[in-house]
């Protein structure tokens, strides 16, 4: 869930990119992501029970999530793994 969406969330250039999910095994897999109001819902057929997600968490990421004011989403992760 995102705050400061300033008019909603937008995927510039088509489908959302830059998301990954991991299960309890801590193995990151590419995720399919979609906007649902002020949330982004992520999933992967390779991760039946996701426990963590991250966005733009690599060098030179291909990512395209913006808010309605045209500001890009910052890289983030939901885990605290080393």
PDB file of N, CA and C in Angstrom:
ATOM      1  N   UNK A   1       0.862  -1.168   0.000  1.00  0.00           N
ATOM      2  CA  UNK A   1       0.000   0.000   0.000  1.00  0.00           C
ATOM      3  C   UNK A   1       0.902   1.223   0.000  1.00  0.00           C
ATOM      4  N   UNK A   2       0.516   2.235  -0.762  1.00  0.00           N
ATOM      5  CA  UNK A   2       1.323   3.435  -0.914  1.00  0.00           C
ATOM      6  C   UNK A   2       0.596   4.651  -0.371  1.00  0.00           C
ATOM      7  N   UNK A   3       1.352   5.552   0.217  1.00  0.00           N
ATOM      8  CA  UNK A   3       0.847   6.867   0.611  1.00  0.00           C
ATOM      9  C   UNK A   3       1.384   7.867  -0.393  1.00  0.00           C
ATOM     10  N   UNK A   4       0.817   9.042  -0.414  1.00  0.00           N
ATOM     11  CA  UNK A   4       1.276  10.116  -1.294  1.00  0.00           C
ATOM     12  C   UNK A   4       1.170   9.728  -2.762  1.00  0.00           C
ATOM     13  N   UNK A   5       0.045   9.139  -3.124  1.00  0.00           N
ATOM     14  CA  UNK A   5      -0.132   8.749  -4.521  1.00  0.00           C
ATOM     15  C   UNK A   5      -0.529   9.925  -5.402  1.00  0.00           C
ATOM     16  N   UNK A   6      -0.953  11.033  -4.803  1.00  0.00           N
ATOM     17  CA  UNK A   6      -1.260  12.266  -5.538  1.00  0.00           C
ATOM     18  C   UNK A   6      -2.007  12.013  -6.842  1.00  0.00           C
ATOM     19  N   UNK A   7      -3.179  11.424  -6.732  1.00  0.00           N
ATOM     20  CA  UNK A   7      -3.993  11.183  -7.918  1.00  0.00           C
ATOM     21  C   UNK A   7      -3.899   9.761  -8.443  1.00  0.00           C
ATOM     22  N   UNK A   8      -3.341   8.861  -7.681  1.00  0.00           N
ATOM     23  CA  UNK A   8      -3.294   7.461  -8.086  1.00  0.00           C
ATOM     24  C   UNK A   8      -1.908   6.986  -8.441  1.00  0.00           C
ATOM     25  N   UNK A   9      -1.824   5.726  -8.764  1.00  0.00           N
ATOM     26  CA  UNK A   9      -0.576   5.117  -9.201  1.00  0.00           C
ATOM     27  C   UNK A   9      -0.648   4.873 -10.702  1.00  0.00           C
ATOM     28  N   UNK A  10       0.502   4.953 -11.354  1.00  0.00           N
ATOM     29  CA  UNK A  10       0.556   4.828 -12.809  1.00  0.00           C
ATOM     30  C   UNK A  10       1.738   3.948 -13.193  1.00  0.00           C
ATOM     31  N   UNK A  11       1.512   3.068 -14.150  1.00  0.00           N
ATOM     32  CA  UNK A  11       2.603   2.288 -14.746  1.00  0.00           C
ATOM     33  C   UNK A  11       2.926   2.953 -16.083  1.00  0.00           C
ATOM     34  N   UNK A  12       4.024   3.672 -16.138  1.00  0.00           N
ATOM     35  CA  UNK A  12       4.399   4.352 -17.377  1.00  0.00           C
ATOM     36  C   UNK A  12       4.929   3.353 -18.393  1.00  0.00           C
ATOM     37  N   UNK A  13       4.370   3.417 -19.585  1.00  0.00           N
ATOM     38  CA  UNK A  13       4.856   2.558 -20.656  1.00  0.00           C
ATOM     39  C   UNK A  13       4.267   1.163 -20.670  1.00  0.00           C
ATOM     40  N   UNK A  14       3.148   0.960 -20.013  1.00  0.00           N
ATOM     41  CA  UNK A  14       2.500  -0.351 -20.057  1.00  0.00           C
ATOM     42  C   UNK A  14       2.491  -1.071 -18.728  1.00  0.00           C
ATOM     43  N   UNK A  15       2.769  -2.354 -18.772  1.00  0.00           N
ATOM     44  CA  UNK A  15       2.710  -3.208 -17.590  1.00  0.00           C
ATOM     45  C   UNK A  15       3.807  -2.845 -16.590  1.00  0.00           C
ATOM     46  N   UNK A  16       3.498  -2.965 -15.298  1.00  0.00           N
ATOM     47  CA  UNK A  16       4.479  -2.670 -14.255  1.00  0.00           C
ATOM     48  C   UNK A  16       5.704  -3.568 -14.374  1.00  0.00           C
ATOM     49  N   UNK A  17       6.857  -2.991 -14.115  1.00  0.00           N
ATOM     50  CA  UNK A  17       8.110  -3.741 -14.129  1.00  0.00           C
ATOM     51  C   UNK A  17       8.901  -3.414 -12.870  1.00  0.00           C
ATOM     52  N   UNK A  18       9.888  -4.235 -12.571  1.00  0.00           N
ATOM     53  CA  UNK A  18      10.794  -3.947 -11.469  1.00  0.00           C
ATOM     54  C   UNK A  18      10.475  -4.618 -10.160  1.00  0.00           C
ATOM     55  N   UNK A  19       9.448  -5.457 -10.104  1.00  0.00           N
ATOM     56  CA  UNK A  19       9.061  -6.120  -8.856  1.00  0.00           C
ATOM     57  C   UNK A  19       9.578  -7.548  -8.811  1.00  0.00           C
ATOM     58  N   UNK A  20       9.933  -7.981  -7.595  1.00  0.00           N
ATOM     59  CA  UNK A  20      10.329  -9.360  -7.333  1.00  0.00           C
ATOM     60  C   UNK A  20       9.691  -9.801  -6.023  1.00  0.00           C
ATOM     61  N   UNK A  21       9.480 -11.107  -5.895  1.00  0.00           N
ATOM     62  CA  UNK A  21       8.958 -11.679  -4.650  1.00  0.00           C
ATOM     63  C   UNK A  21       9.818 -12.867  -4.239  1.00  0.00           C
ATOM     64  N   UNK A  22       9.761 -13.187  -2.955  1.00  0.00           N
ATOM     65  CA  UNK A  22      10.478 -14.343  -2.418  1.00  0.00           C
ATOM     66  C   UNK A  22       9.588 -15.062  -1.417  1.00  0.00           C
ATOM     67  N   UNK A  23       9.807 -16.360  -1.317  1.00  0.00           N
ATOM     68  CA  UNK A  23       9.127 -17.171  -0.313  1.00  0.00           C
ATOM     69  C   UNK A  23      10.028 -17.339   0.897  1.00  0.00           C
ATOM     70  N   UNK A  24       9.676 -18.288   1.738  1.00  0.00           N
ATOM     71  CA  UNK A  24      10.472 -18.549   2.943  1.00  0.00           C
ATOM     72  C   UNK A  24      11.891 -18.994   2.615  1.00  0.00           C
ATOM     73  N   UNK A  25      12.123 -19.475   1.391  1.00  0.00           N
ATOM     74  CA  UNK A  25      13.467 -19.893   0.984  1.00  0.00           C
ATOM     75  C   UNK A  25      14.379 -18.710   0.661  1.00  0.00           C
ATOM     76  N   UNK A  26      13.825 -17.503   0.644  1.00  0.00           N
ATOM     77  CA  UNK A  26      14.556 -16.260   0.399  1.00  0.00           C
ATOM     78  C   UNK A  26      15.166 -16.176  -1.000  1.00  0.00           C
ATOM     79  N   UNK A  27      14.591 -16.898  -1.931  1.00  0.00           N
ATOM     80  CA  UNK A  27      15.044 -16.856  -3.316  1.00  0.00           C
ATOM     81  C   UNK A  27      14.148 -15.887  -4.091  1.00  0.00           C
ATOM     82  N   UNK A  28      14.744 -14.829  -4.626  1.00  0.00           N
ATOM     83  CA  UNK A  28      13.985 -13.801  -5.331  1.00  0.00           C
ATOM     84  C   UNK A  28      13.643 -14.253  -6.740  1.00  0.00           C
ATOM     85  N   UNK A  29      12.396 -14.016  -7.129  1.00  0.00           N
ATOM     86  CA  UNK A  29      11.893 -14.365  -8.456  1.00  0.00           C
ATOM     87  C   UNK A  29      11.177 -13.155  -9.050  1.00  0.00           C
ATOM     88  N   UNK A  30      11.219 -13.002 -10.372  1.00  0.00           N
ATOM     89  CA  UNK A  30      10.471 -11.910 -11.001  1.00  0.00           C
ATOM     90  C   UNK A  30       8.984 -12.032 -10.680  1.00  0.00           C
ATOM     91  N   UNK A  31       8.346 -10.901 -10.485  1.00  0.00           N
ATOM     92  CA  UNK A  31       6.928 -10.891 -10.124  1.00  0.00           C
ATOM     93  C   UNK A  31       6.100 -10.185 -11.186  1.00  0.00           C
ATOM     94  N   UNK A  32       4.879 -10.626 -11.311  1.00  0.00           N
ATOM     95  CA  UNK A  32       3.872  -9.925 -12.097  1.00  0.00           C
ATOM     96  C   UNK A  32       3.210  -8.961 -11.123  1.00  0.00           C
ATOM     97  N   UNK A  33       3.068  -7.708 -11.525  1.00  0.00           N
ATOM     98  CA  UNK A  33       2.498  -6.701 -10.624  1.00  0.00           C
ATOM     99  C   UNK A  33       1.360  -5.959 -11.307  1.00  0.00           C
ATOM    100  N   UNK A  34       0.369  -5.587 -10.499  1.00  0.00           N
ATOM    101  CA  UNK A  34      -0.745  -4.795 -11.028  1.00  0.00           C
ATOM    102  C   UNK A  34      -1.173  -3.782  -9.981  1.00  0.00           C
ATOM    103  N   UNK A  35      -1.671  -2.666 -10.461  1.00  0.00           N
ATOM    104  CA  UNK A  35      -2.145  -1.593  -9.581  1.00  0.00           C
ATOM    105  C   UNK A  35      -3.584  -1.875  -9.196  1.00  0.00           C
ATOM    106  N   UNK A  36      -3.886  -1.735  -7.903  1.00  0.00           N
ATOM    107  CA  UNK A  36      -5.232  -1.900  -7.372  1.00  0.00           C
ATOM    108  C   UNK A  36      -5.481  -0.754  -6.396  1.00  0.00           C
ATOM    109  N   UNK A  37      -5.942   0.379  -6.914  1.00  0.00           N
ATOM    110  CA  UNK A  37      -6.158   1.556  -6.078  1.00  0.00           C
ATOM    111  C   UNK A  37      -4.836   2.147  -5.632  1.00  0.00           C
ATOM    112  N   UNK A  38      -4.608   2.188  -4.300  1.00  0.00           N
ATOM    113  CA  UNK A  38      -3.344   2.707  -3.767  1.00  0.00           C
ATOM    114  C   UNK A  38      -2.391   1.574  -3.403  1.00  0.00           C
ATOM    115  N   UNK A  39      -2.651   0.390  -3.947  1.00  0.00           N
ATOM    116  CA  UNK A  39      -1.812  -0.785  -3.683  1.00  0.00           C
ATOM    117  C   UNK A  39      -1.253  -1.342  -4.976  1.00  0.00           C
ATOM    118  N   UNK A  40      -0.155  -2.057  -4.843  1.00  0.00           N
ATOM    119  CA  UNK A  40       0.363  -2.857  -5.943  1.00  0.00           C
ATOM    120  C   UNK A  40       0.325  -4.301  -5.479  1.00  0.00           C
ATOM    121  N   UNK A  41      -0.331  -5.146  -6.252  1.00  0.00           N
ATOM    122  CA  UNK A  41      -0.460  -6.561  -5.937  1.00  0.00           C
ATOM    123  C   UNK A  41       0.569  -7.313  -6.769  1.00  0.00           C
ATOM    124  N   UNK A  42       1.418  -8.092  -6.113  1.00  0.00           N
ATOM    125  CA  UNK A  42       2.479  -8.824  -6.804  1.00  0.00           C
ATOM    126  C   UNK A  42       2.316 -10.322  -6.596  1.00  0.00           C
ATOM    127  N   UNK A  43       2.723 -11.091  -7.608  1.00  0.00           N
ATOM    128  CA  UNK A  43       2.673 -12.550  -7.507  1.00  0.00           C
ATOM    129  C   UNK A  43       3.662 -13.140  -8.494  1.00  0.00           C
ATOM    130  N   UNK A  44       3.950 -14.411  -8.294  1.00  0.00           N
ATOM    131  CA  UNK A  44       4.807 -15.161  -9.197  1.00  0.00           C
ATOM    132  C   UNK A  44       4.393 -16.622  -9.148  1.00  0.00           C
ATOM    133  N   UNK A  45       4.261 -17.265 -10.298  1.00  0.00           N
ATOM    134  CA  UNK A  45       3.939 -18.696 -10.272  1.00  0.00           C
ATOM    135  C   UNK A  45       5.058 -19.527  -9.646  1.00  0.00           C
ATOM    136  N   UNK A  46       6.273 -18.972  -9.570  1.00  0.00           N
ATOM    137  CA  UNK A  46       7.403 -19.673  -8.979  1.00  0.00           C
ATOM    138  C   UNK A  46       7.443 -19.554  -7.446  1.00  0.00           C
ATOM    139  N   UNK A  47       6.591 -18.675  -6.897  1.00  0.00           N
ATOM    140  CA  UNK A  47       6.580 -18.450  -5.442  1.00  0.00           C
ATOM    141  C   UNK A  47       5.141 -18.603  -4.955  1.00  0.00           C
ATOM    142  N   UNK A  48       4.746 -19.820  -4.571  1.00  0.00           N
ATOM    143  CA  UNK A  48       3.358 -20.045  -4.181  1.00  0.00           C
ATOM    144  C   UNK A  48       2.931 -19.301  -2.915  1.00  0.00           C
ATOM    145  N   UNK A  49       3.877 -19.060  -1.977  1.00  0.00           N
ATOM    146  CA  UNK A  49       3.555 -18.341  -0.743  1.00  0.00           C
ATOM    147  C   UNK A  49       4.573 -17.224  -0.522  1.00  0.00           C
ATOM    148  N   UNK A  50       4.371 -16.072  -1.169  1.00  0.00           N
ATOM    149  CA  UNK A  50       5.327 -14.968  -1.001  1.00  0.00           C
ATOM    150  C   UNK A  50       5.338 -14.452   0.440  1.00  0.00           C
ATOM    151  N   UNK A  51       6.523 -14.111   0.922  1.00  0.00           N
ATOM    152  CA  UNK A  51       6.662 -13.514   2.242  1.00  0.00           C
ATOM    153  C   UNK A  51       7.363 -12.159   2.182  1.00  0.00           C
ATOM    154  N   UNK A  52       7.925 -11.811   1.027  1.00  0.00           N
ATOM    155  CA  UNK A  52       8.620 -10.533   0.893  1.00  0.00           C
ATOM    156  C   UNK A  52       8.572 -10.070  -0.559  1.00  0.00           C
ATOM    157  N   UNK A  53       8.650  -8.761  -0.720  1.00  0.00           N
ATOM    158  CA  UNK A  53       8.662  -8.167  -2.058  1.00  0.00           C
ATOM    159  C   UNK A  53       9.698  -7.049  -2.089  1.00  0.00           C
ATOM    160  N   UNK A  54      10.147  -6.745  -3.281  1.00  0.00           N
ATOM    161  CA  UNK A  54      11.031  -5.593  -3.452  1.00  0.00           C
ATOM    162  C   UNK A  54      10.788  -4.985  -4.825  1.00  0.00           C
ATOM    163  N   UNK A  55      11.166  -3.710  -4.932  1.00  0.00           N
ATOM    164  CA  UNK A  55      10.945  -2.955  -6.164  1.00  0.00           C
ATOM    165  C   UNK A  55      12.208  -2.178  -6.501  1.00  0.00           C
ATOM    166  N   UNK A  56      12.640  -2.284  -7.747  1.00  0.00           N
ATOM    167  CA  UNK A  56      13.802  -1.540  -8.248  1.00  0.00           C
ATOM    168  C   UNK A  56      15.035  -1.789  -7.389  1.00  0.00           C
ATOM    169  N   UNK A  57      15.193  -3.006  -6.916  1.00  0.00           N
ATOM    170  CA  UNK A  57      16.250  -3.337  -5.967  1.00  0.00           C
ATOM    171  C   UNK A  57      17.410  -4.022  -6.678  1.00  0.00           C
ATOM    172  N   UNK A  58      17.987  -3.333  -7.652  1.00  0.00           N
ATOM    173  CA  UNK A  58      19.138  -3.853  -8.376  1.00  0.00           C
ATOM    174  C   UNK A  58      19.844  -2.682  -9.063  1.00  0.00           C
ATOM    175  N   UNK A  59      21.030  -2.925  -9.582  1.00  0.00           N
ATOM    176  CA  UNK A  59      21.730  -1.883 -10.327  1.00  0.00           C
ATOM    177  C   UNK A  59      21.005  -1.636 -11.653  1.00  0.00           C
ATOM    178  N   UNK A  60      20.781  -0.400 -11.969  1.00  0.00           N
ATOM    179  CA  UNK A  60      20.137  -0.003 -13.220  1.00  0.00           C
ATOM    180  C   UNK A  60      18.808  -0.730 -13.450  1.00  0.00           C
ATOM    181  N   UNK A  61      17.866  -0.590 -12.534  1.00  0.00           N
ATOM    182  CA  UNK A  61      16.603  -1.326 -12.635  1.00  0.00           C
ATOM    183  C   UNK A  61      15.711  -0.804 -13.760  1.00  0.00           C
ATOM    184  N   UNK A  62      14.981  -1.708 -14.353  1.00  0.00           N
ATOM    185  CA  UNK A  62      13.924  -1.352 -15.305  1.00  0.00           C
ATOM    186  C   UNK A  62      12.647  -1.261 -14.484  1.00  0.00           C
ATOM    187  N   UNK A  63      12.222  -0.058 -14.171  1.00  0.00           N
ATOM    188  CA  UNK A  63      11.055   0.126 -13.311  1.00  0.00           C
ATOM    189  C   UNK A  63      10.238   1.305 -13.827  1.00  0.00           C
ATOM    190  N   UNK A  64       8.942   1.276 -13.576  1.00  0.00           N
ATOM    191  CA  UNK A  64       8.075   2.282 -14.169  1.00  0.00           C
ATOM    192  C   UNK A  64       6.867   2.668 -13.315  1.00  0.00           C
ATOM    193  N   UNK A  65       6.973   2.594 -12.001  1.00  0.00           N
ATOM    194  CA  UNK A  65       5.871   2.963 -11.109  1.00  0.00           C
ATOM    195  C   UNK A  65       5.988   4.434 -10.725  1.00  0.00           C
ATOM    196  N   UNK A  66       4.922   5.188 -10.972  1.00  0.00           N
ATOM    197  CA  UNK A  66       4.879   6.624 -10.686  1.00  0.00           C
ATOM    198  C   UNK A  66       3.576   6.951  -9.970  1.00  0.00           C
ATOM    199  N   UNK A  67       3.567   8.092  -9.277  1.00  0.00           N
ATOM    200  CA  UNK A  67       2.302   8.559  -8.718  1.00  0.00           C
ATOM    201  C   UNK A  67       1.629   9.481  -9.733  1.00  0.00           C
ATOM    202  N   UNK A  68       0.409   9.895  -9.423  1.00  0.00           N
ATOM    203  CA  UNK A  68      -0.362  10.721 -10.340  1.00  0.00           C
ATOM    204  C   UNK A  68       0.249  12.078 -10.616  1.00  0.00           C
ATOM    205  N   UNK A  69       1.170  12.545  -9.756  1.00  0.00           N
ATOM    206  CA  UNK A  69       1.846  13.829  -9.959  1.00  0.00           C
ATOM    207  C   UNK A  69       3.093  13.674 -10.828  1.00  0.00           C
ATOM    208  N   UNK A  70       3.385  12.436 -11.261  1.00  0.00           N
ATOM    209  CA  UNK A  70       4.522  12.207 -12.131  1.00  0.00           C
ATOM    210  C   UNK A  70       5.832  11.911 -11.435  1.00  0.00           C
ATOM    211  N   UNK A  71       5.778  11.665 -10.114  1.00  0.00           N
ATOM    212  CA  UNK A  71       6.999  11.353  -9.361  1.00  0.00           C
ATOM    213  C   UNK A  71       7.210   9.837  -9.298  1.00  0.00           C
ATOM    214  N   UNK A  72       8.437   9.371  -9.536  1.00  0.00           N
ATOM    215  CA  UNK A  72       8.690   7.930  -9.511  1.00  0.00           C
ATOM    216  C   UNK A  72       8.716   7.369  -8.093  1.00  0.00           C
ATOM    217  N   UNK A  73       8.336   6.111  -7.979  1.00  0.00           N
ATOM    218  CA  UNK A  73       8.436   5.417  -6.694  1.00  0.00           C
ATOM    219  C   UNK A  73       9.902   5.110  -6.417  1.00  0.00           C
ATOM    220  N   UNK A  74      10.305   5.272  -5.188  1.00  0.00           N
ATOM    221  CA  UNK A  74      11.676   4.958  -4.772  1.00  0.00           C
ATOM    222  C   UNK A  74      11.848   3.453  -4.639  1.00  0.00           C
ATOM    223  N   UNK A  75      13.071   2.953  -4.814  1.00  0.00           N
ATOM    224  CA  UNK A  75      13.313   1.532  -4.548  1.00  0.00           C
ATOM    225  C   UNK A  75      12.954   1.196  -3.100  1.00  0.00           C
ATOM    226  N   UNK A  76      12.409   0.002  -2.897  1.00  0.00           N
ATOM    227  CA  UNK A  76      12.073  -0.427  -1.538  1.00  0.00           C
ATOM    228  C   UNK A  76      12.098  -1.940  -1.457  1.00  0.00           C
ATOM    229  N   UNK A  77      12.121  -2.419  -0.222  1.00  0.00           N
ATOM    230  CA  UNK A  77      11.981  -3.847   0.055  1.00  0.00           C
ATOM    231  C   UNK A  77      11.162  -4.000   1.328  1.00  0.00           C
ATOM    232  N   UNK A  78      10.481  -5.148   1.454  1.00  0.00           N
ATOM    233  CA  UNK A  78       9.641  -5.375   2.629  1.00  0.00           C
ATOM    234  C   UNK A  78      10.294  -6.298   3.650  1.00  0.00           C
ATOM    235  N   UNK A  79      11.458  -6.848   3.329  1.00  0.00           N
ATOM    236  CA  UNK A  79      12.140  -7.760   4.238  1.00  0.00           C
ATOM    237  C   UNK A  79      13.275  -7.028   4.952  1.00  0.00           C
ATOM    238  N   UNK A  80      13.867  -7.726   5.934  1.00  0.00           N
ATOM    239  CA  UNK A  80      15.061  -7.195   6.597  1.00  0.00           C
ATOM    240  C   UNK A  80      16.171  -8.240   6.561  1.00  0.00           C
ATOM    241  N   UNK A  81      16.163  -9.083   5.543  1.00  0.00           N
ATOM    242  CA  UNK A  81      17.173 -10.125   5.385  1.00  0.00           C
ATOM    243  C   UNK A  81      18.515  -9.511   5.045  1.00  0.00           C
ATOM    244  N   UNK A  82      19.577 -10.183   5.434  1.00  0.00           N
ATOM    245  CA  UNK A  82      20.929  -9.739   5.086  1.00  0.00           C
ATOM    246  C   UNK A  82      21.292 -10.162   3.700  1.00  0.00           C
TER     247      UNK A  82
END
